[in-house]
Amino acid sequence: MRRTISLILMIVVTAALAMTACSSSGSPVGFWVIDKVTADDVEMNAEDAKSIGLTAVGSVKLQKSGGCELKLLGEEYTGKWEQAKDGTITIKYDEEMTLTGKVNDKGVMKLTDPQGTEYELSK
């Protein structure tokens, strides 16, 4: 009887841990660092940002509440974000600015703004 109860408890704990791992790994919630920005065939990475006096290209913090904080080339913004069923992430900030994109299989978030500027981010 003890062995059966122990086995059931072990299965329940393992299943709970597995579900927790699945739900958090697919979530874009968290702090993302902008590794690279590309606009009109011009790239900027962290080293380029430092060469012009910035500490980083920028970052995006997506909160569970749907709020977000962005730092882009020294400017700070707050906004809101959402994720569609197909995985598309939409970030709206500074009243009319929008970024859209997805997290790929390698865990890299790729966002694009309406002007075609591309942002590559990692956690």
N, C-alpha and C. Protein backbone atom coordinates (compact mmCIF):
# COMPACT_ATOMS: atom_id res chain seq x y z
N MET A 1 0.82 -1.19 0.00
CA MET A 1 0.00 0.00 0.00
C MET A 1 0.87 1.26 0.00
N ARG A 2 1.90 1.27 0.84
CA ARG A 2 2.80 2.43 0.89
C ARG A 2 3.48 2.64 -0.46
N ARG A 3 3.86 1.53 -1.05
CA ARG A 3 4.54 1.60 -2.35
C ARG A 3 3.61 2.21 -3.40
N THR A 4 2.36 1.85 -3.39
CA THR A 4 1.37 2.39 -4.33
C THR A 4 1.18 3.89 -4.11
N ILE A 5 1.06 4.30 -2.86
CA ILE A 5 0.90 5.72 -2.55
C ILE A 5 2.14 6.50 -2.96
N SER A 6 3.30 5.97 -2.69
CA SER A 6 4.54 6.64 -3.09
C SER A 6 4.62 6.78 -4.60
N LEU A 7 4.23 5.74 -5.32
CA LEU A 7 4.25 5.78 -6.77
C LEU A 7 3.27 6.83 -7.30
N ILE A 8 2.09 6.88 -6.74
CA ILE A 8 1.09 7.87 -7.16
C ILE A 8 1.60 9.28 -6.88
N LEU A 9 2.18 9.50 -5.70
CA LEU A 9 2.72 10.82 -5.37
C LEU A 9 3.84 11.23 -6.32
N MET A 10 4.69 10.27 -6.65
CA MET A 10 5.79 10.54 -7.56
C MET A 10 5.25 10.93 -8.94
N ILE A 11 4.23 10.25 -9.42
CA ILE A 11 3.63 10.56 -10.71
C ILE A 11 2.99 11.94 -10.69
N VAL A 12 2.28 12.26 -9.62
CA VAL A 12 1.63 13.58 -9.51
C VAL A 12 2.67 14.70 -9.49
N VAL A 13 3.73 14.55 -8.70
CA VAL A 13 4.78 15.57 -8.62
C VAL A 13 5.48 15.72 -9.97
N THR A 14 5.79 14.62 -10.62
CA THR A 14 6.45 14.67 -11.92
C THR A 14 5.56 15.38 -12.95
N ALA A 15 4.28 15.07 -12.96
CA ALA A 15 3.36 15.71 -13.89
C ALA A 15 3.24 17.20 -13.61
N ALA A 16 3.19 17.57 -12.35
CA ALA A 16 3.11 18.99 -11.99
C ALA A 16 4.35 19.74 -12.44
N LEU A 17 5.51 19.15 -12.23
CA LEU A 17 6.76 19.79 -12.66
C LEU A 17 6.82 19.91 -14.18
N ALA A 18 6.36 18.89 -14.87
CA ALA A 18 6.37 18.92 -16.33
C ALA A 18 5.45 20.00 -16.86
N MET A 19 4.27 20.17 -16.27
CA MET A 19 3.35 21.21 -16.71
C MET A 19 3.89 22.60 -16.42
N THR A 20 4.56 22.76 -15.30
CA THR A 20 5.15 24.05 -14.97
C THR A 20 6.24 24.39 -15.98
N ALA A 21 7.06 23.44 -16.33
CA ALA A 21 8.13 23.68 -17.30
C ALA A 21 7.56 24.04 -18.66
N CYS A 22 6.49 23.37 -19.07
CA CYS A 22 5.90 23.66 -20.37
C CYS A 22 5.30 25.05 -20.42
N SER A 23 4.60 25.44 -19.38
CA SER A 23 3.94 26.73 -19.43
C SER A 23 4.92 27.88 -19.39
N SER A 24 6.03 27.77 -18.70
CA SER A 24 6.96 28.89 -18.62
C SER A 24 7.89 28.97 -19.81
N SER A 25 8.21 27.85 -20.43
CA SER A 25 9.16 27.88 -21.54
C SER A 25 8.55 28.52 -22.78
N GLY A 26 7.23 28.39 -22.97
CA GLY A 26 6.59 28.97 -24.13
C GLY A 26 6.17 30.41 -23.93
N SER A 27 6.33 30.93 -22.75
CA SER A 27 5.89 32.28 -22.44
C SER A 27 6.97 33.31 -22.76
N PRO A 28 6.57 34.39 -23.42
CA PRO A 28 7.54 35.45 -23.68
C PRO A 28 7.74 36.39 -22.50
N VAL A 29 7.00 36.18 -21.41
CA VAL A 29 7.11 37.04 -20.23
C VAL A 29 8.55 37.04 -19.73
N GLY A 30 9.06 38.21 -19.42
CA GLY A 30 10.40 38.32 -18.87
C GLY A 30 11.19 39.45 -19.48
N PHE A 31 12.47 39.47 -19.18
CA PHE A 31 13.37 40.53 -19.61
C PHE A 31 14.13 40.08 -20.86
N TRP A 32 14.05 40.86 -21.91
CA TRP A 32 14.69 40.57 -23.18
C TRP A 32 15.69 41.67 -23.51
N VAL A 33 16.87 41.30 -23.95
CA VAL A 33 17.90 42.25 -24.35
C VAL A 33 17.92 42.34 -25.87
N ILE A 34 17.93 43.56 -26.38
CA ILE A 34 18.02 43.74 -27.83
C ILE A 34 19.48 43.54 -28.23
N ASP A 35 19.73 42.46 -28.97
CA ASP A 35 21.09 42.14 -29.41
C ASP A 35 21.47 42.87 -30.69
N LYS A 36 20.46 43.11 -31.54
CA LYS A 36 20.77 43.70 -32.84
C LYS A 36 19.55 44.43 -33.37
N VAL A 37 19.78 45.58 -33.99
CA VAL A 37 18.75 46.33 -34.69
C VAL A 37 19.22 46.51 -36.12
N THR A 38 18.32 46.26 -37.08
CA THR A 38 18.65 46.45 -38.49
C THR A 38 17.62 47.38 -39.12
N ALA A 39 18.12 48.48 -39.69
CA ALA A 39 17.26 49.44 -40.38
C ALA A 39 17.94 49.84 -41.70
N ASP A 40 17.23 49.65 -42.80
CA ASP A 40 17.77 50.00 -44.12
C ASP A 40 19.17 49.43 -44.33
N ASP A 41 19.36 48.16 -44.06
CA ASP A 41 20.63 47.46 -44.25
C ASP A 41 21.76 47.95 -43.34
N VAL A 42 21.43 48.74 -42.32
CA VAL A 42 22.42 49.19 -41.34
C VAL A 42 22.13 48.46 -40.03
N GLU A 43 23.14 47.76 -39.52
CA GLU A 43 23.00 47.00 -38.27
C GLU A 43 23.66 47.74 -37.11
N MET A 44 23.03 47.59 -35.92
CA MET A 44 23.64 48.09 -34.70
C MET A 44 23.55 46.98 -33.66
N ASN A 45 24.71 46.63 -33.08
CA ASN A 45 24.73 45.65 -32.00
C ASN A 45 25.22 46.34 -30.72
N ALA A 46 25.44 45.57 -29.67
CA ALA A 46 25.85 46.13 -28.38
C ALA A 46 27.17 46.90 -28.48
N GLU A 47 28.12 46.38 -29.23
CA GLU A 47 29.41 47.07 -29.38
C GLU A 47 29.24 48.41 -30.07
N ASP A 48 28.38 48.45 -31.10
CA ASP A 48 28.12 49.70 -31.80
C ASP A 48 27.47 50.72 -30.87
N ALA A 49 26.54 50.24 -30.04
CA ALA A 49 25.86 51.14 -29.10
C ALA A 49 26.86 51.75 -28.12
N LYS A 50 27.79 50.94 -27.62
CA LYS A 50 28.79 51.44 -26.68
C LYS A 50 29.70 52.47 -27.35
N SER A 51 29.97 52.29 -28.62
CA SER A 51 30.86 53.22 -29.32
C SER A 51 30.24 54.62 -29.47
N ILE A 52 28.90 54.71 -29.33
CA ILE A 52 28.26 56.03 -29.40
C ILE A 52 27.78 56.50 -28.03
N GLY A 53 28.28 55.83 -26.97
CA GLY A 53 27.99 56.28 -25.62
C GLY A 53 26.78 55.67 -24.94
N LEU A 54 26.15 54.67 -25.55
CA LEU A 54 25.02 54.00 -24.92
C LEU A 54 25.51 52.75 -24.19
N THR A 55 24.82 52.37 -23.13
CA THR A 55 25.22 51.16 -22.42
C THR A 55 24.71 49.90 -23.12
N ALA A 56 23.67 50.04 -23.93
CA ALA A 56 23.10 48.90 -24.65
C ALA A 56 22.24 49.42 -25.79
N VAL A 57 21.91 48.53 -26.73
CA VAL A 57 20.99 48.88 -27.79
C VAL A 57 19.61 49.12 -27.17
N GLY A 58 19.25 48.26 -26.23
CA GLY A 58 17.97 48.41 -25.55
C GLY A 58 17.49 47.12 -24.94
N SER A 59 16.27 47.17 -24.41
CA SER A 59 15.68 46.00 -23.77
C SER A 59 14.16 46.12 -23.79
N VAL A 60 13.52 44.98 -23.58
CA VAL A 60 12.08 44.92 -23.49
C VAL A 60 11.75 44.02 -22.30
N LYS A 61 10.90 44.51 -21.42
CA LYS A 61 10.44 43.70 -20.29
C LYS A 61 8.94 43.49 -20.45
N LEU A 62 8.56 42.23 -20.71
CA LEU A 62 7.15 41.87 -20.86
C LEU A 62 6.64 41.32 -19.53
N GLN A 63 5.59 41.93 -19.01
CA GLN A 63 5.05 41.55 -17.71
C GLN A 63 3.82 40.66 -17.87
N LYS A 64 3.57 39.80 -16.89
CA LYS A 64 2.41 38.90 -16.93
C LYS A 64 1.10 39.68 -17.05
N SER A 65 1.08 40.88 -16.49
CA SER A 65 -0.13 41.70 -16.48
C SER A 65 -0.51 42.23 -17.87
N GLY A 66 0.41 42.12 -18.84
CA GLY A 66 0.17 42.67 -20.16
C GLY A 66 0.84 44.03 -20.35
N GLY A 67 1.46 44.52 -19.30
CA GLY A 67 2.23 45.75 -19.41
C GLY A 67 3.63 45.46 -19.91
N CYS A 68 4.32 46.48 -20.37
CA CYS A 68 5.70 46.30 -20.79
C CYS A 68 6.50 47.58 -20.60
N GLU A 69 7.80 47.41 -20.51
CA GLU A 69 8.74 48.52 -20.42
C GLU A 69 9.77 48.33 -21.52
N LEU A 70 10.03 49.38 -22.26
CA LEU A 70 11.00 49.33 -23.35
C LEU A 70 12.08 50.38 -23.16
N LYS A 71 13.29 50.01 -23.50
CA LYS A 71 14.41 50.94 -23.57
C LYS A 71 14.99 50.78 -24.96
N LEU A 72 14.90 51.84 -25.77
CA LEU A 72 15.38 51.78 -27.14
C LEU A 72 16.33 52.94 -27.39
N LEU A 73 17.60 52.61 -27.59
CA LEU A 73 18.62 53.61 -27.90
C LEU A 73 18.59 54.80 -26.93
N GLY A 74 18.51 54.48 -25.64
CA GLY A 74 18.57 55.51 -24.61
C GLY A 74 17.23 56.10 -24.22
N GLU A 75 16.17 55.83 -24.94
CA GLU A 75 14.83 56.35 -24.61
C GLU A 75 14.04 55.26 -23.88
N GLU A 76 13.21 55.68 -22.91
CA GLU A 76 12.40 54.73 -22.13
C GLU A 76 10.92 54.93 -22.43
N TYR A 77 10.21 53.81 -22.57
CA TYR A 77 8.78 53.82 -22.88
C TYR A 77 8.06 52.79 -22.03
N THR A 78 6.76 52.99 -21.83
CA THR A 78 5.90 51.97 -21.24
C THR A 78 4.79 51.69 -22.24
N GLY A 79 4.23 50.51 -22.15
CA GLY A 79 3.18 50.16 -23.08
C GLY A 79 2.45 48.91 -22.66
N LYS A 80 1.81 48.28 -23.63
CA LYS A 80 1.07 47.05 -23.41
C LYS A 80 1.45 46.05 -24.50
N TRP A 81 1.31 44.77 -24.16
CA TRP A 81 1.62 43.73 -25.14
C TRP A 81 0.58 42.63 -25.04
N GLU A 82 0.47 41.85 -26.12
CA GLU A 82 -0.40 40.68 -26.14
C GLU A 82 0.18 39.66 -27.09
N GLN A 83 -0.24 38.41 -26.90
CA GLN A 83 0.22 37.33 -27.76
C GLN A 83 -0.99 36.62 -28.34
N ALA A 84 -1.05 36.52 -29.67
CA ALA A 84 -2.13 35.84 -30.36
C ALA A 84 -1.96 34.33 -30.25
N LYS A 85 -2.99 33.60 -30.60
CA LYS A 85 -2.94 32.14 -30.54
C LYS A 85 -1.85 31.55 -31.42
N ASP A 86 -1.51 32.23 -32.52
CA ASP A 86 -0.47 31.71 -33.41
C ASP A 86 0.94 32.07 -32.93
N GLY A 87 1.03 32.73 -31.77
CA GLY A 87 2.33 33.07 -31.19
C GLY A 87 2.82 34.47 -31.52
N THR A 88 2.09 35.19 -32.37
CA THR A 88 2.49 36.55 -32.73
C THR A 88 2.36 37.48 -31.53
N ILE A 89 3.43 38.21 -31.28
CA ILE A 89 3.47 39.15 -30.17
C ILE A 89 3.31 40.56 -30.74
N THR A 90 2.42 41.34 -30.13
CA THR A 90 2.22 42.73 -30.52
C THR A 90 2.49 43.60 -29.31
N ILE A 91 3.40 44.56 -29.47
CA ILE A 91 3.75 45.49 -28.40
C ILE A 91 3.35 46.89 -28.88
N LYS A 92 2.55 47.59 -28.07
CA LYS A 92 2.15 48.97 -28.38
C LYS A 92 2.70 49.88 -27.31
N TYR A 93 3.38 50.96 -27.75
CA TYR A 93 3.99 51.89 -26.81
C TYR A 93 4.01 53.30 -27.39
N ASP A 94 4.25 54.27 -26.57
CA ASP A 94 4.36 55.67 -26.99
C ASP A 94 3.19 56.08 -27.87
N GLU A 95 1.99 55.75 -27.44
CA GLU A 95 0.71 56.07 -28.07
C GLU A 95 0.48 55.44 -29.44
N GLU A 96 1.39 55.59 -30.40
CA GLU A 96 1.13 55.09 -31.74
C GLU A 96 2.17 54.10 -32.27
N MET A 97 3.18 53.77 -31.49
CA MET A 97 4.24 52.88 -31.95
C MET A 97 3.85 51.42 -31.72
N THR A 98 4.21 50.55 -32.66
CA THR A 98 3.88 49.12 -32.57
C THR A 98 5.07 48.28 -33.04
N LEU A 99 5.32 47.21 -32.32
CA LEU A 99 6.28 46.19 -32.72
C LEU A 99 5.53 44.87 -32.80
N THR A 100 5.79 44.07 -33.83
CA THR A 100 5.17 42.75 -33.94
C THR A 100 6.22 41.72 -34.29
N GLY A 101 6.00 40.49 -33.85
CA GLY A 101 6.93 39.41 -34.18
C GLY A 101 6.64 38.16 -33.39
N LYS A 102 7.63 37.28 -33.37
CA LYS A 102 7.49 35.98 -32.69
C LYS A 102 8.81 35.58 -32.07
N VAL A 103 8.73 34.59 -31.18
CA VAL A 103 9.91 33.95 -30.62
C VAL A 103 10.12 32.68 -31.45
N ASN A 104 11.33 32.53 -32.02
CA ASN A 104 11.59 31.37 -32.86
C ASN A 104 11.98 30.14 -32.04
N ASP A 105 12.24 29.03 -32.71
CA ASP A 105 12.58 27.77 -32.05
C ASP A 105 13.87 27.85 -31.23
N LYS A 106 14.73 28.80 -31.54
CA LYS A 106 15.99 28.96 -30.82
C LYS A 106 15.86 29.89 -29.61
N GLY A 107 14.63 30.37 -29.35
CA GLY A 107 14.41 31.25 -28.21
C GLY A 107 14.77 32.69 -28.48
N VAL A 108 14.89 33.06 -29.76
CA VAL A 108 15.20 34.44 -30.14
C VAL A 108 13.90 35.13 -30.55
N MET A 109 13.64 36.30 -29.95
CA MET A 109 12.47 37.07 -30.34
C MET A 109 12.88 38.01 -31.48
N LYS A 110 12.10 37.99 -32.55
CA LYS A 110 12.34 38.89 -33.67
C LYS A 110 11.11 39.77 -33.84
N LEU A 111 11.33 41.07 -33.71
CA LEU A 111 10.25 42.05 -33.81
C LEU A 111 10.52 43.00 -34.96
N THR A 112 9.45 43.54 -35.55
CA THR A 112 9.57 44.50 -36.64
C THR A 112 8.61 45.66 -36.36
N ASP A 113 9.05 46.89 -36.66
CA ASP A 113 8.15 48.03 -36.54
C ASP A 113 7.57 48.36 -37.91
N PRO A 114 6.57 49.26 -37.99
CA PRO A 114 5.92 49.56 -39.27
C PRO A 114 6.87 50.12 -40.35
N GLN A 115 7.99 50.71 -39.95
CA GLN A 115 8.94 51.24 -40.92
C GLN A 115 9.89 50.17 -41.45
N GLY A 116 9.78 48.94 -40.92
CA GLY A 116 10.62 47.85 -41.38
C GLY A 116 11.89 47.63 -40.56
N THR A 117 12.06 48.39 -39.50
CA THR A 117 13.22 48.18 -38.62
C THR A 117 13.03 46.86 -37.88
N GLU A 118 14.07 46.03 -37.87
CA GLU A 118 14.00 44.70 -37.25
C GLU A 118 14.83 44.69 -35.97
N TYR A 119 14.27 44.07 -34.95
CA TYR A 119 14.92 43.95 -33.64
C TYR A 119 15.08 42.47 -33.32
N GLU A 120 16.26 42.07 -32.89
CA GLU A 120 16.54 40.69 -32.50
C GLU A 120 16.87 40.71 -31.01
N LEU A 121 16.11 39.92 -30.22
CA LEU A 121 16.24 39.94 -28.76
C LEU A 121 16.48 38.55 -28.20
N SER A 122 17.17 38.50 -27.06
CA SER A 122 17.36 37.24 -26.35
C SER A 122 17.12 37.46 -24.86
N LYS A 123 16.76 36.36 -24.18
CA LYS A 123 16.53 36.46 -22.73
C LYS A 123 17.83 36.34 -22.01
